[in-house]
Each structure stands twice: as structure tokens, then as C-alpha cells.
N, C-alpha and C. Protein backbone atom coordinates (compact mmCIF):
# COMPACT_ATOMS: atom_id res chain seq x y z
N MET A 1 -3.30 -4.38 2.14
CA MET A 1 -2.23 -5.29 1.71
C MET A 1 -2.29 -6.46 2.66
N ALA A 2 -2.23 -7.54 2.01
CA ALA A 2 -2.28 -8.98 2.80
C ALA A 2 -0.93 -8.97 3.51
N GLN A 3 -1.06 -9.60 4.68
CA GLN A 3 0.16 -9.88 5.44
C GLN A 3 0.64 -11.28 5.47
N ALA A 4 1.76 -11.63 5.47
CA ALA A 4 2.34 -12.87 5.48
C ALA A 4 3.23 -13.10 6.78
N THR A 5 3.31 -14.27 7.23
CA THR A 5 4.28 -14.48 8.35
C THR A 5 5.60 -15.11 7.83
N PHE A 6 6.70 -14.62 8.42
CA PHE A 6 8.00 -14.94 8.00
C PHE A 6 8.82 -15.46 9.34
N SER A 7 9.30 -16.59 9.28
CA SER A 7 9.88 -17.18 10.49
C SER A 7 11.47 -17.36 10.17
N VAL A 8 12.27 -16.87 11.18
CA VAL A 8 13.75 -16.92 10.89
C VAL A 8 14.27 -17.54 12.15
N ARG A 9 15.26 -18.49 11.91
CA ARG A 9 16.05 -19.00 13.08
C ARG A 9 17.39 -18.30 13.21
N MET A 10 17.75 -18.05 14.39
CA MET A 10 18.97 -17.37 14.63
C MET A 10 19.51 -17.60 16.00
N ASP A 11 20.70 -17.45 16.21
CA ASP A 11 21.33 -17.71 17.58
C ASP A 11 20.63 -16.81 18.49
N GLU A 12 20.24 -17.44 19.66
CA GLU A 12 19.44 -16.75 20.79
C GLU A 12 20.13 -15.52 21.27
N ALA A 13 21.44 -15.52 21.48
CA ALA A 13 22.02 -14.20 21.75
C ALA A 13 22.10 -13.22 20.83
N LEU A 14 22.13 -13.50 19.54
CA LEU A 14 21.99 -12.60 18.50
C LEU A 14 20.68 -11.99 18.55
N LYS A 15 19.65 -12.83 18.68
CA LYS A 15 18.33 -12.33 18.75
C LYS A 15 18.03 -11.33 19.80
N HIS A 16 18.63 -11.63 20.94
CA HIS A 16 18.47 -10.66 22.04
C HIS A 16 19.34 -9.37 21.76
N GLN A 17 20.51 -9.41 21.36
CA GLN A 17 21.09 -8.16 20.93
C GLN A 17 20.39 -7.35 19.92
N PHE A 18 19.95 -8.06 18.81
CA PHE A 18 19.13 -7.52 17.80
C PHE A 18 17.88 -6.79 18.33
N ASP A 19 17.17 -7.52 19.17
CA ASP A 19 15.95 -6.99 19.75
C ASP A 19 16.30 -5.69 20.58
N SER A 20 17.27 -5.71 21.36
CA SER A 20 17.67 -4.67 22.25
C SER A 20 18.05 -3.30 21.37
N LEU A 21 18.83 -3.56 20.33
CA LEU A 21 19.21 -2.43 19.49
C LEU A 21 18.02 -1.98 18.69
N CYS A 22 17.05 -2.79 18.37
CA CYS A 22 15.83 -2.28 17.70
C CYS A 22 15.14 -1.43 18.67
N GLN A 23 14.88 -1.78 19.76
CA GLN A 23 14.31 -1.08 20.92
C GLN A 23 15.07 0.31 21.05
N ASP A 24 16.24 0.39 21.01
CA ASP A 24 16.90 1.58 21.09
C ASP A 24 16.57 2.44 19.93
N PHE A 25 16.39 1.99 18.92
CA PHE A 25 15.88 2.67 17.68
C PHE A 25 14.47 3.04 17.81
N GLY A 26 13.71 2.58 18.72
CA GLY A 26 12.40 2.81 18.72
C GLY A 26 11.65 1.96 17.84
N MET A 27 11.86 0.78 17.52
CA MET A 27 11.05 -0.10 16.71
C MET A 27 11.26 -1.54 17.17
N ASN A 28 10.45 -2.43 16.72
CA ASN A 28 10.55 -3.83 17.07
C ASN A 28 11.36 -4.55 15.90
N MET A 29 11.65 -5.78 16.06
CA MET A 29 12.44 -6.46 15.27
C MET A 29 11.60 -6.77 13.86
N THR A 30 10.39 -6.85 13.97
CA THR A 30 9.47 -6.97 12.76
C THR A 30 9.64 -5.74 11.79
N THR A 31 9.66 -4.63 12.45
CA THR A 31 9.84 -3.31 11.71
C THR A 31 11.20 -3.31 11.01
N ALA A 32 12.21 -3.56 11.89
CA ALA A 32 13.60 -3.55 11.32
C ALA A 32 13.62 -4.56 10.03
N ILE A 33 13.28 -5.71 10.24
CA ILE A 33 13.35 -6.66 9.09
C ILE A 33 12.53 -6.22 7.80
N ASN A 34 11.27 -5.68 8.11
CA ASN A 34 10.61 -4.96 7.02
C ASN A 34 11.42 -3.97 6.41
N ILE A 35 12.13 -3.04 7.11
CA ILE A 35 12.86 -1.95 6.45
C ILE A 35 13.94 -2.50 5.65
N PHE A 36 14.66 -3.64 6.18
CA PHE A 36 15.65 -4.29 5.41
C PHE A 36 15.10 -4.88 4.04
N ALA A 37 13.91 -5.57 4.22
CA ALA A 37 13.43 -6.11 2.98
C ALA A 37 13.03 -4.98 1.95
N ARG A 38 12.41 -3.91 2.36
CA ARG A 38 12.10 -2.91 1.44
C ARG A 38 13.28 -2.25 0.84
N ALA A 39 14.46 -2.15 1.62
CA ALA A 39 15.65 -1.55 0.90
C ALA A 39 16.17 -2.60 -0.13
N VAL A 40 16.12 -3.88 0.16
CA VAL A 40 16.65 -4.95 -0.75
C VAL A 40 15.85 -4.84 -2.03
N VAL A 41 14.51 -4.81 -1.95
CA VAL A 41 13.60 -4.67 -3.16
C VAL A 41 13.96 -3.35 -3.84
N ARG A 42 13.91 -2.22 -3.08
CA ARG A 42 14.04 -0.95 -3.78
C ARG A 42 15.40 -0.71 -4.55
N GLN A 43 16.43 -1.25 -3.97
CA GLN A 43 17.75 -1.14 -4.36
C GLN A 43 18.32 -2.38 -5.34
N ARG A 44 17.41 -3.36 -5.26
CA ARG A 44 17.63 -4.70 -6.00
C ARG A 44 18.99 -5.21 -5.79
N ARG A 45 19.45 -5.05 -4.46
CA ARG A 45 20.70 -5.58 -3.94
C ARG A 45 20.60 -5.62 -2.34
N ILE A 46 21.66 -6.21 -1.76
CA ILE A 46 21.75 -6.27 -0.44
C ILE A 46 22.23 -4.91 -0.09
N PRO A 47 21.76 -4.23 0.91
CA PRO A 47 22.19 -2.76 1.02
C PRO A 47 23.39 -2.50 1.74
N PHE A 48 24.36 -3.53 1.89
CA PHE A 48 25.64 -3.62 2.40
C PHE A 48 26.44 -4.55 1.84
N GLU A 49 27.83 -4.40 2.05
CA GLU A 49 28.71 -5.33 1.40
C GLU A 49 28.69 -6.63 2.20
N ILE A 50 28.77 -7.69 1.59
CA ILE A 50 28.97 -8.97 2.21
C ILE A 50 30.20 -9.64 1.60
N SER A 51 31.26 -9.91 2.46
CA SER A 51 32.38 -10.44 1.88
C SER A 51 32.78 -11.61 2.79
N SER A 52 33.91 -12.39 2.38
CA SER A 52 34.43 -13.34 3.11
C SER A 52 36.03 -13.05 3.24
N PRO A 53 36.55 -13.19 4.33
CA PRO A 53 38.05 -12.85 4.54
C PRO A 53 38.95 -13.92 3.63
N GLU A 54 38.28 -14.94 3.31
CA GLU A 54 39.30 -15.86 2.46
C GLU A 54 38.69 -15.94 1.03
N THR A 55 39.61 -15.91 0.05
CA THR A 55 39.12 -15.99 -1.28
C THR A 55 39.65 -17.27 -1.76
N GLN A 56 38.73 -18.04 -2.45
CA GLN A 56 39.01 -19.20 -3.06
C GLN A 56 39.38 -19.05 -4.56
N ILE A 57 40.65 -19.21 -4.76
CA ILE A 57 40.95 -18.89 -6.28
C ILE A 57 40.96 -20.11 -6.98
N THR A 58 40.14 -20.10 -8.06
CA THR A 58 40.17 -21.19 -9.15
C THR A 58 40.93 -20.78 -10.38
N ARG A 59 41.17 -21.83 -11.17
CA ARG A 59 41.91 -21.55 -12.46
C ARG A 59 40.84 -20.76 -13.31
N ASN A 60 39.63 -21.18 -13.33
CA ASN A 60 38.63 -20.33 -14.29
C ASN A 60 38.50 -18.88 -13.75
N GLY A 61 38.60 -18.74 -12.38
CA GLY A 61 38.45 -17.28 -11.92
C GLY A 61 39.65 -16.49 -12.21
N ALA A 62 40.73 -17.13 -12.03
CA ALA A 62 42.14 -16.50 -12.22
C ALA A 62 42.30 -16.08 -13.82
N MET A 63 41.77 -17.02 -14.70
CA MET A 63 41.74 -16.68 -16.16
C MET A 63 40.76 -15.53 -16.50
N GLN A 64 39.74 -15.59 -15.84
CA GLN A 64 38.66 -14.32 -16.11
C GLN A 64 39.37 -13.09 -15.78
N ALA A 65 40.05 -13.09 -14.40
CA ALA A 65 40.68 -11.85 -13.94
C ALA A 65 41.88 -11.61 -14.93
N PHE A 66 42.56 -12.52 -15.42
CA PHE A 66 43.57 -12.14 -16.30
C PHE A 66 43.10 -11.67 -17.78
N GLN A 67 42.07 -12.13 -18.20
CA GLN A 67 41.46 -11.61 -19.48
C GLN A 67 40.96 -10.25 -19.22
N ALA A 68 40.31 -10.03 -18.15
CA ALA A 68 39.67 -8.56 -17.83
C ALA A 68 40.98 -7.61 -17.77
N LEU A 69 42.13 -7.96 -17.16
CA LEU A 69 43.19 -7.10 -17.04
C LEU A 69 43.81 -6.71 -18.46
N ARG A 70 43.80 -7.92 -19.23
CA ARG A 70 44.43 -7.69 -20.58
C ARG A 70 43.50 -6.77 -21.38
N ALA A 71 42.18 -6.88 -21.32
CA ALA A 71 41.35 -6.01 -21.95
C ALA A 71 41.35 -4.60 -21.59
N GLN A 72 41.60 -4.45 -20.24
CA GLN A 72 41.83 -3.04 -19.63
C GLN A 72 43.11 -2.49 -20.20
N ALA A 73 44.07 -3.26 -20.19
CA ALA A 73 45.43 -2.74 -20.75
C ALA A 73 45.33 -2.35 -22.17
N LYS A 74 44.55 -3.18 -22.94
CA LYS A 74 44.34 -2.83 -24.40
C LYS A 74 43.62 -1.57 -24.62
N ASN A 75 42.52 -1.35 -23.80
CA ASN A 75 41.66 -0.09 -23.79
C ASN A 75 42.59 1.20 -23.27
N ASN A 76 43.57 0.90 -22.45
CA ASN A 76 44.40 1.98 -21.98
C ASN A 76 45.67 2.14 -22.81
N GLY A 77 45.79 1.60 -23.95
CA GLY A 77 46.89 1.52 -24.77
C GLY A 77 48.23 1.02 -24.38
N VAL A 78 48.27 0.12 -23.42
CA VAL A 78 49.40 -0.23 -22.87
C VAL A 78 49.72 -1.85 -22.94
N SER A 79 48.87 -2.46 -23.96
CA SER A 79 48.90 -3.92 -24.09
C SER A 79 50.26 -4.30 -24.56
N ASP A 80 51.01 -3.67 -25.31
CA ASP A 80 52.30 -3.92 -25.79
C ASP A 80 53.63 -3.63 -24.97
N MET A 81 53.46 -3.48 -23.72
CA MET A 81 54.65 -3.04 -22.87
C MET A 81 55.50 -4.32 -22.69
N THR A 82 56.67 -4.06 -22.71
CA THR A 82 57.77 -5.29 -22.58
C THR A 82 57.84 -5.53 -20.93
N ILE A 83 58.27 -6.59 -20.62
CA ILE A 83 58.32 -6.94 -19.19
C ILE A 83 59.33 -5.93 -18.47
N GLU A 84 60.19 -5.38 -19.11
CA GLU A 84 61.19 -4.31 -18.56
C GLU A 84 60.34 -3.09 -18.33
N GLU A 85 59.56 -2.78 -19.24
CA GLU A 85 58.70 -1.47 -18.99
C GLU A 85 57.59 -1.78 -17.90
N ILE A 86 57.06 -2.90 -17.78
CA ILE A 86 56.18 -3.25 -16.74
C ILE A 86 56.85 -3.21 -15.56
N ASN A 87 58.08 -3.75 -15.27
CA ASN A 87 58.78 -3.76 -14.11
C ASN A 87 59.22 -2.50 -13.64
N ALA A 88 59.60 -1.67 -14.61
CA ALA A 88 59.88 -0.19 -14.36
C ALA A 88 58.73 0.59 -13.82
N GLU A 89 57.46 0.28 -14.31
CA GLU A 89 56.28 0.99 -13.78
C GLU A 89 55.93 0.48 -12.41
N ILE A 90 56.17 -0.80 -12.20
CA ILE A 90 56.12 -1.28 -10.82
C ILE A 90 56.94 -0.59 -9.89
N ASP A 91 58.29 -0.60 -10.14
CA ASP A 91 59.19 0.05 -9.35
C ASP A 91 58.86 1.42 -9.07
N LYS A 92 58.51 2.26 -10.02
CA LYS A 92 58.02 3.65 -9.94
C LYS A 92 56.89 3.82 -8.95
N ALA A 93 56.00 2.93 -9.12
CA ALA A 93 54.84 2.97 -8.15
C ALA A 93 55.08 2.66 -6.77
N ARG A 94 56.15 1.70 -6.66
CA ARG A 94 56.61 1.33 -5.26
C ARG A 94 57.23 2.51 -4.70
N MET A 95 58.15 3.29 -5.42
CA MET A 95 58.80 4.33 -4.90
C MET A 95 57.93 5.52 -4.54
N GLU A 96 56.89 5.84 -5.31
CA GLU A 96 55.79 6.83 -5.04
C GLU A 96 55.08 6.44 -3.68
N THR A 97 54.93 5.15 -3.40
CA THR A 97 54.06 4.86 -2.32
C THR A 97 54.92 4.49 -1.05
N GLY A 98 56.14 4.42 -1.14
CA GLY A 98 57.11 4.15 -0.13
C GLY A 98 57.30 2.74 0.15
N GLY A 99 56.75 1.74 -0.88
CA GLY A 99 56.78 0.41 -0.66
C GLY A 99 57.91 -0.23 -1.23
């Protein structure tokens, strides 16, 4: 199999920490990056969750979430609940969880 060079820029302190940890695992950084790349290709996704502590809420995103909830309510047979019934369900859930 032909080999290719891959260059990555990263913070120097992070590089040293990563190199040290890889050595603890008995491998070098190149092997670790290759393991990561193979996992991504095999699973067809990043093999861990990537998230942001802040969520940017847009009108479009909120409408999509609302439509998804409406569809779920319809599928569960509760799309015709009154506001009083909804509030009663919320109160019941809060009492059950101590909220």
C-alpha cells in the first residue's frame, strides 16, 4: 500500500502531552492518528461525541424542533391534548422527579 504524508498543526504543549500519552500506550503519534483514521472510516463517523457548551438557537432550528415534536405527539396519539392536560402532565412529571 502506498504511503502518504499528513501534516498537522497543533499547540506545542498539546503535542507533547499527546506524544507522552501515546508512549504510555506503547505507540507513537503516527500510529495513534492512523488508529483514529481507521475508526472514522470503519464507523463512518467521528468515534466520539463532539459538542459545544453553547447552542445557537435559530428560528429555523426552533421550527424544525417544534415540527419534530408535533410529529412525535401525533405518532403517540397525544396531539389533541388541551393546554390544561399538558400542564397536568408537566406537574405530574415534576412531582415524580421531585422538581
